[in-house]
Structures are given as C-alpha cells and as structure tokens.
Amino acid sequence: MATSSTSPQLTPELLRSRRRHLIYTIAWKTVAMLILGAVSAFILFPALWMLSTALKPDDQVALATWIPRPPVWRNFIEAWTSVPFTRYTINTALYSAACVIGETLSSSLVAYGFARLRFPGRNLLFGVMLSTMMIPGMVTMIPQYVLFSKMGWVGSYLPLVVPKFFGTPFFIFLLRQMFMGIPEELCEAARIDGANEFWIYSRVIMPLSKASLATVALMSFEGAWNAYVGPVLYISDPKLYTVQVGLAMFKSSSQTEWQHLMAASIIVMLPIIVLFSAFQRYFVEGAAISGGVKG
C-alpha cells in the first residue's frame, strides 16, 4: 500500500536555516547559563565565605584565603556549647510558632473580611491598612515600648507575640488577593445552604488557600526566627534570649570570634533552609497565585 509523507523536502536552504537556528539556540542557552552562573556565584559568595571562615583556625581568620589549612570542624561544637544555644533555640522555636499561629490566623480572618464581606467604607479601610506598610518600624518603636512598659509587658514575650494576633498588613494584602480569586459562587452556594460567614471561611476558603497560607506561615516563621531588634529591646533575662541575640554574644567591644560567629550563624540558618526546601513548592505556588492583583 502506498504511503504519503507530510514532512517538507529538505532543500539546502532549509538545512542552512535549521543549522542557523540550532547555532542561535545553543549560543543563547550558553549566554543564559553564563549569566545565571555569574548571578549564582554572586549570591552564594557570602555563604561560601561564611563557611570558609567557620572552618578556619584562629590564626587564619584574618587571612583572605578561601581554603582553611587544616579545616577546624570543632569550631561548630565550640560555637554551640560556648553559648547556651540549646535553650535559645527552644525559646526561638516557641516564640516563632506563636507568631506563625497568630499572624496566619488573624491575617486570614481580616483578609476574608476585605475580600468577601460587603460593608460601608471597606475600600477606605483597606487603603488605610495598606498605607500603614509605608510607616517605618523605627517610628513606632518608642511609642510601642512606652505602651508595653506601662502595661507591664516588658521583660516577657508578650510585646513580641501579642501584636501578631492582630494581623500584618502585608500578609492581609497577600491573602486577600488569593481569596478574591476563589469563585464567589462557592460562597453563595454555602450561604443558600444556611452556612454563616465563619463556616464559609473555615470550610470553603481556608482549604482552597493552602498554598498561600503556607507562604504566609513560612514568611512569618522566617521573620520571627531572624528577629533581633525586638528581642533585644524587650527581653532582658538571659534565660529568655533568642538565637539571634545569642549570635551577638560572639562580638564584643574588644574582639569578635569570627570563626565561632560564622559557625553558629550557619547552624542557626539550617531550620530556615530546611523549611524552605520542604515547602518550596507551596511557597512558589502561593506567591504566584497571590501575585495576581485584583481590584
């Protein structure tokens, strides 16, 4: 049985065109890989220098060399044991967990109100809420300290944790964008069935927003874990210090133990790296979904 071919005839001109296209593709991919490699090296430079310094002996810390001779792995053990980092890690984990719960729940509740409820002045209130993001934190630091001092909260975690249960403007904005992307018909169907707004929020909206909620939770944890100014300002009892305050103990007015500071910094970074690696898919998905701006 005769067969027919639909592929075009390979003329010399077509072969030259395909060869040029292949050369251009390889050239562009090579240039892209070189640019990405240069950007990656620029981003990784501080981390690699930190690791190099963490492994250096005392007499090589000030030298501009990349490879320690020999590498001193006990710097990590000395850095962890010279300061009570185990206690500080537990303190920071509990403090960060409270912040994650507070910011995620409160921000999602407020975001649901702005996204789904209809009430007078909703857009005005949302604009005022967004404008608070433009106020530098340093401006409100002293009034907040005076307020919490009069309330008797200074010296505890209350000034650091309680405000998180009132929502964070950026997280509210992020979640509102996600909630507005969920079809309104789902909420209307639930209302027809007799569901109230809290039921719709908890049983319809929240399950459909897992990616954005994971993004908010991860960003909240990263912010609390790396917080330094707040714990230094409000915590005075060494038993309540966080890991970031513990890192500052390696630096004094007379000297800095750079090898121990770098080793401890690497250990402190590990939880953030592990969490981001574990939830990277949700983080990217949530950021992409929430990035779709709706009016």
Protein backbone atom coordinates (compact mmCIF):
# COMPACT_ATOMS: atom_id res chain seq x y z
CA MET A 1 0.00 0.00 0.00
CA ALA A 2 1.40 3.39 -0.92
CA THR A 3 2.14 5.85 1.89
CA SER A 4 2.30 9.65 1.73
CA SER A 5 4.77 11.79 3.69
CA THR A 6 3.77 15.23 5.10
CA SER A 7 7.33 16.30 6.05
CA PRO A 8 8.74 19.12 3.87
CA GLN A 9 11.52 18.31 1.42
CA LEU A 10 14.94 19.04 2.92
CA THR A 11 16.32 21.57 0.49
CA PRO A 12 19.80 23.07 1.01
CA GLU A 13 18.21 26.38 2.01
CA LEU A 14 16.03 24.65 4.64
CA LEU A 15 19.06 22.77 6.01
CA ARG A 16 21.02 26.05 6.32
CA SER A 17 18.06 27.67 8.08
CA ARG A 18 17.80 24.83 10.57
CA ARG A 19 21.56 24.91 11.17
CA ARG A 20 21.45 28.68 11.88
CA HIS A 21 18.51 28.20 14.23
CA LEU A 22 20.39 25.44 16.09
CA ILE A 23 23.52 27.62 16.39
CA TYR A 24 21.49 30.59 17.69
CA THR A 25 19.69 28.34 20.22
CA ILE A 26 22.96 26.89 21.53
CA ALA A 27 24.52 30.39 21.70
CA TRP A 28 21.60 31.88 23.63
CA LYS A 29 21.49 28.94 26.05
CA THR A 30 25.24 29.27 26.63
CA VAL A 31 24.92 33.01 27.33
CA ALA A 32 21.97 32.37 29.65
CA MET A 33 23.88 29.69 31.56
CA LEU A 34 26.90 32.00 31.94
CA ILE A 35 24.69 34.83 33.26
CA LEU A 36 22.88 32.50 35.66
CA GLY A 37 26.21 31.08 36.84
CA ALA A 38 27.59 34.57 37.47
CA VAL A 39 24.46 35.63 39.38
CA SER A 40 24.50 32.40 41.42
CA ALA A 41 28.18 32.87 42.29
CA PHE A 42 27.46 36.47 43.36
CA ILE A 43 24.56 35.32 45.57
CA LEU A 44 26.46 32.37 47.07
CA PHE A 45 29.64 34.37 47.71
CA PRO A 46 28.66 35.47 51.28
CA ALA A 47 27.51 31.95 52.22
CA LEU A 48 30.71 30.36 50.91
CA TRP A 49 32.87 32.95 52.69
CA MET A 50 30.89 32.30 55.88
CA LEU A 51 31.58 28.55 55.61
CA SER A 52 35.26 29.19 54.88
CA THR A 53 35.61 31.46 57.91
CA ALA A 54 33.76 28.98 60.13
CA LEU A 55 36.36 26.31 59.35
CA LYS A 56 39.48 28.46 59.80
CA PRO A 57 41.91 28.18 62.73
CA ASP A 58 42.30 31.25 64.93
CA ASP A 59 45.47 32.44 63.21
CA GLN A 60 43.90 32.28 59.71
CA VAL A 61 40.63 34.13 60.33
CA ALA A 62 42.03 37.47 59.17
CA LEU A 63 43.67 36.00 56.06
CA ALA A 64 41.99 36.42 52.68
CA THR A 65 42.14 32.72 51.87
CA TRP A 66 39.26 30.52 50.80
CA ILE A 67 40.51 27.10 51.90
CA PRO A 68 41.41 26.67 55.60
CA ARG A 69 44.55 24.63 56.26
CA PRO A 70 43.56 22.49 58.04
CA PRO A 71 39.75 22.87 58.36
CA VAL A 72 38.71 23.07 62.03
CA TRP A 73 35.35 21.29 62.35
CA ARG A 74 35.35 21.62 66.14
CA ASN A 75 34.55 25.33 65.67
CA PHE A 76 30.90 24.27 65.23
CA ILE A 77 30.90 22.34 68.52
CA GLU A 78 32.65 25.16 70.39
CA ALA A 79 30.26 27.74 68.96
CA TRP A 80 27.21 25.72 70.03
CA THR A 81 28.47 24.93 73.54
CA SER A 82 30.17 28.22 74.45
CA VAL A 83 26.74 29.93 74.40
CA PRO A 84 23.56 28.15 75.62
CA PHE A 85 22.18 27.80 72.12
CA THR A 86 20.02 24.80 73.02
CA ARG A 87 17.95 26.95 75.37
CA TYR A 88 17.94 29.83 72.88
CA THR A 89 16.78 27.51 70.10
CA ILE A 90 13.86 26.24 72.19
CA ASN A 91 12.93 29.83 73.11
CA THR A 92 13.06 30.91 69.48
CA ALA A 93 11.08 27.89 68.27
CA LEU A 94 8.27 28.54 70.76
CA TYR A 95 8.26 32.27 70.05
CA SER A 96 8.28 31.68 66.27
CA ALA A 97 5.47 29.11 66.49
CA ALA A 98 3.29 31.57 68.41
CA CYS A 99 3.99 34.27 65.82
CA VAL A 100 3.15 31.92 62.94
CA ILE A 101 -0.17 30.91 64.52
CA GLY A 102 -1.09 34.49 65.38
CA GLU A 103 -0.15 36.09 62.06
CA THR A 104 -1.64 33.34 59.88
CA LEU A 105 -4.99 33.14 61.65
CA SER A 106 -5.54 36.85 62.23
CA SER A 107 -4.33 37.91 58.78
CA SER A 108 -6.54 35.33 57.06
CA LEU A 109 -9.59 36.45 59.05
CA VAL A 110 -9.04 40.12 58.19
CA ALA A 111 -8.28 39.24 54.57
CA TYR A 112 -11.54 37.30 54.33
CA GLY A 113 -13.42 40.34 55.58
CA PHE A 114 -11.86 42.61 52.97
CA ALA A 115 -12.32 40.04 50.18
CA ARG A 116 -15.82 38.68 50.80
CA LEU A 117 -17.83 40.90 53.14
CA ARG A 118 -19.66 44.00 51.95
CA PHE A 119 -19.77 46.92 54.41
CA PRO A 120 -19.55 50.73 54.15
CA GLY A 121 -16.01 52.09 53.96
CA ARG A 122 -14.45 48.74 53.11
CA ASN A 123 -12.18 50.13 50.40
CA LEU A 124 -11.23 53.13 52.57
CA LEU A 125 -10.26 50.87 55.46
CA PHE A 126 -8.28 48.64 53.13
CA GLY A 127 -6.42 51.68 51.80
CA VAL A 128 -5.65 52.87 55.33
CA MET A 129 -4.41 49.37 56.20
CA LEU A 130 -2.13 49.35 53.15
CA SER A 131 -0.79 52.82 53.98
CA THR A 132 0.48 51.52 57.33
CA MET A 133 3.05 49.47 55.42
CA MET A 134 4.77 52.74 54.49
CA ILE A 135 5.42 53.69 58.12
CA PRO A 136 8.98 52.71 59.13
CA GLY A 137 9.14 50.42 62.14
CA MET A 138 11.64 52.71 63.85
CA VAL A 139 9.00 55.48 64.01
CA THR A 140 6.63 53.40 66.14
CA MET A 141 9.31 51.72 68.24
CA ILE A 142 9.43 54.24 71.09
CA PRO A 143 5.62 54.70 71.42
CA GLN A 144 5.19 50.94 71.42
CA TYR A 145 7.87 50.50 74.06
CA VAL A 146 6.24 53.13 76.29
CA LEU A 147 2.83 51.47 75.82
CA PHE A 148 4.07 47.97 76.61
CA SER A 149 6.12 49.29 79.52
CA LYS A 150 3.02 50.87 81.09
CA MET A 151 1.20 47.57 80.56
CA GLY A 152 3.97 45.72 82.39
CA TRP A 153 4.82 43.50 79.43
CA VAL A 154 8.50 44.48 79.07
CA GLY A 155 10.73 41.58 80.05
CA SER A 156 8.45 38.95 78.53
CA TYR A 157 7.50 37.70 75.07
CA LEU A 158 4.11 39.45 75.18
CA PRO A 159 5.23 42.59 73.25
CA LEU A 160 6.64 40.33 70.55
CA VAL A 161 3.78 37.84 70.26
CA VAL A 162 0.51 39.62 71.08
CA PRO A 163 0.68 42.19 68.19
CA LYS A 164 0.99 39.26 65.78
CA PHE A 165 -2.58 38.21 66.69
CA PHE A 166 -3.92 41.48 65.20
CA GLY A 167 -2.75 40.78 61.66
CA THR A 168 0.09 42.00 59.48
CA PRO A 169 -0.76 44.37 56.59
CA PHE A 170 1.42 42.66 54.01
CA PHE A 171 0.04 39.21 54.82
CA ILE A 172 -3.53 40.57 54.78
CA PHE A 173 -2.92 42.02 51.32
CA LEU A 174 -1.36 38.76 50.12
CA LEU A 175 -4.22 36.58 51.36
CA ARG A 176 -6.91 38.99 50.14
CA GLN A 177 -5.59 38.65 46.60
CA MET A 178 -5.82 34.87 46.90
CA PHE A 179 -9.31 34.90 48.43
CA MET A 180 -10.64 37.15 45.66
CA GLY A 181 -9.51 34.59 43.11
CA ILE A 182 -11.85 31.94 44.57
CA PRO A 183 -15.21 31.86 42.72
CA GLU A 184 -17.92 33.73 44.62
CA GLU A 185 -20.42 31.05 43.53
CA LEU A 186 -18.91 28.65 46.08
CA CYS A 187 -19.65 31.08 48.91
CA GLU A 188 -23.14 31.86 47.57
CA ALA A 189 -23.97 28.15 47.41
CA ALA A 190 -22.83 27.74 51.01
CA ARG A 191 -24.96 30.73 52.12
CA ILE A 192 -28.02 29.26 50.37
CA ASP A 193 -27.44 26.07 52.36
CA GLY A 194 -27.55 28.12 55.57
CA ALA A 195 -23.82 28.46 56.29
CA ASN A 196 -22.65 31.53 58.16
CA GLU A 197 -19.55 33.54 57.24
CA PHE A 198 -17.24 31.80 59.71
CA TRP A 199 -18.26 28.39 58.33
CA ILE A 200 -17.53 29.59 54.79
CA TYR A 201 -14.18 31.00 55.92
CA SER A 202 -13.11 27.82 57.72
CA ARG A 203 -14.66 25.14 55.49
CA VAL A 204 -14.52 26.71 52.00
CA ILE A 205 -11.91 29.45 51.81
CA MET A 206 -9.17 28.05 54.04
CA PRO A 207 -8.95 24.58 52.43
CA LEU A 208 -8.68 26.20 48.98
CA SER A 209 -5.88 28.55 50.12
CA LYS A 210 -3.34 26.09 51.49
CA ALA A 211 -0.55 27.31 49.22
CA SER A 212 -0.97 30.96 50.19
CA LEU A 213 -1.36 30.07 53.87
CA ALA A 214 1.85 28.03 53.70
CA THR A 215 3.59 31.01 52.12
CA VAL A 216 2.41 33.33 54.88
CA ALA A 217 3.37 30.82 57.59
CA LEU A 218 6.85 30.37 56.14
CA MET A 219 7.45 34.11 55.83
CA SER A 220 6.15 34.66 59.35
CA PHE A 221 8.45 31.97 60.74
CA GLU A 222 11.44 33.41 58.90
CA GLY A 223 10.69 36.89 60.25
CA ALA A 224 10.32 35.69 63.84
CA TRP A 225 13.35 33.38 63.69
CA ASN A 226 15.61 36.16 62.40
CA ALA A 227 14.17 38.93 64.60
CA TYR A 228 16.83 40.78 66.54
CA VAL A 229 15.72 44.30 67.44
CA GLY A 230 12.50 43.21 69.17
CA PRO A 231 14.08 40.56 71.45
CA VAL A 232 16.97 42.89 72.32
CA LEU A 233 14.56 45.71 73.14
CA TYR A 234 12.05 43.79 75.25
CA ILE A 235 13.93 40.77 76.64
CA SER A 236 16.39 41.37 79.48
CA ASP A 237 16.52 37.93 81.13
CA PRO A 238 19.33 35.83 79.53
CA LYS A 239 17.19 32.72 80.01
CA LEU A 240 14.69 34.16 77.50
CA TYR A 241 17.19 35.17 74.82
CA THR A 242 16.68 34.04 71.21
CA VAL A 243 19.27 32.64 68.82
CA GLN A 244 19.84 35.99 67.14
CA VAL A 245 20.66 37.59 70.48
CA GLY A 246 22.94 34.62 71.19
CA LEU A 247 24.88 35.32 67.99
CA ALA A 248 25.63 38.82 69.22
CA MET A 249 27.48 37.35 72.21
CA PHE A 250 30.40 36.41 69.97
CA LYS A 251 31.02 40.09 69.33
CA SER A 252 32.34 42.43 71.99
CA SER A 253 33.89 45.90 72.04
CA SER A 254 37.41 44.44 72.17
CA GLN A 255 37.22 41.45 69.81
CA THR A 256 35.00 39.29 67.68
CA GLU A 257 35.25 35.50 67.47
CA TRP A 258 34.58 35.41 63.75
CA GLN A 259 35.11 31.66 63.30
CA HIS A 260 32.63 30.85 66.08
CA LEU A 261 30.19 33.56 64.94
CA MET A 262 30.18 32.19 61.39
CA ALA A 263 29.83 28.59 62.60
CA ALA A 264 26.91 29.48 64.86
CA SER A 265 25.30 31.52 62.06
CA ILE A 266 25.37 28.51 59.75
CA ILE A 267 23.72 26.32 62.39
CA VAL A 268 21.05 28.97 63.03
CA MET A 269 20.31 29.22 59.31
CA LEU A 270 19.65 25.49 58.93
CA PRO A 271 15.99 25.47 60.13
CA ILE A 272 15.10 28.19 57.62
CA ILE A 273 16.83 26.32 54.79
CA VAL A 274 15.17 23.02 55.71
CA LEU A 275 11.71 24.57 55.94
CA PHE A 276 12.07 26.45 52.68
CA SER A 277 13.31 23.32 50.92
CA ALA A 278 10.41 21.28 52.31
CA PHE A 279 7.71 23.82 51.42
CA GLN A 280 9.31 25.38 48.35
CA ARG A 281 6.54 24.12 46.07
CA TYR A 282 3.82 25.70 48.22
CA PHE A 283 5.84 28.89 48.60
CA VAL A 284 6.29 29.38 44.85
CA GLU A 285 2.68 28.40 44.12
CA GLY A 286 1.32 30.69 46.82
CA ALA A 287 3.42 33.65 45.71
CA ALA A 288 2.35 33.12 42.10
CA ILE A 289 -1.36 32.87 42.98
CA SER A 290 -1.32 35.83 45.36
CA GLY A 291 0.59 37.90 42.83
CA GLY A 292 -2.47 38.13 40.60
CA VAL A 293 -3.73 41.58 41.53
CA LYS A 294 -7.50 42.01 41.56
CA GLY A 295 -9.34 45.21 42.25
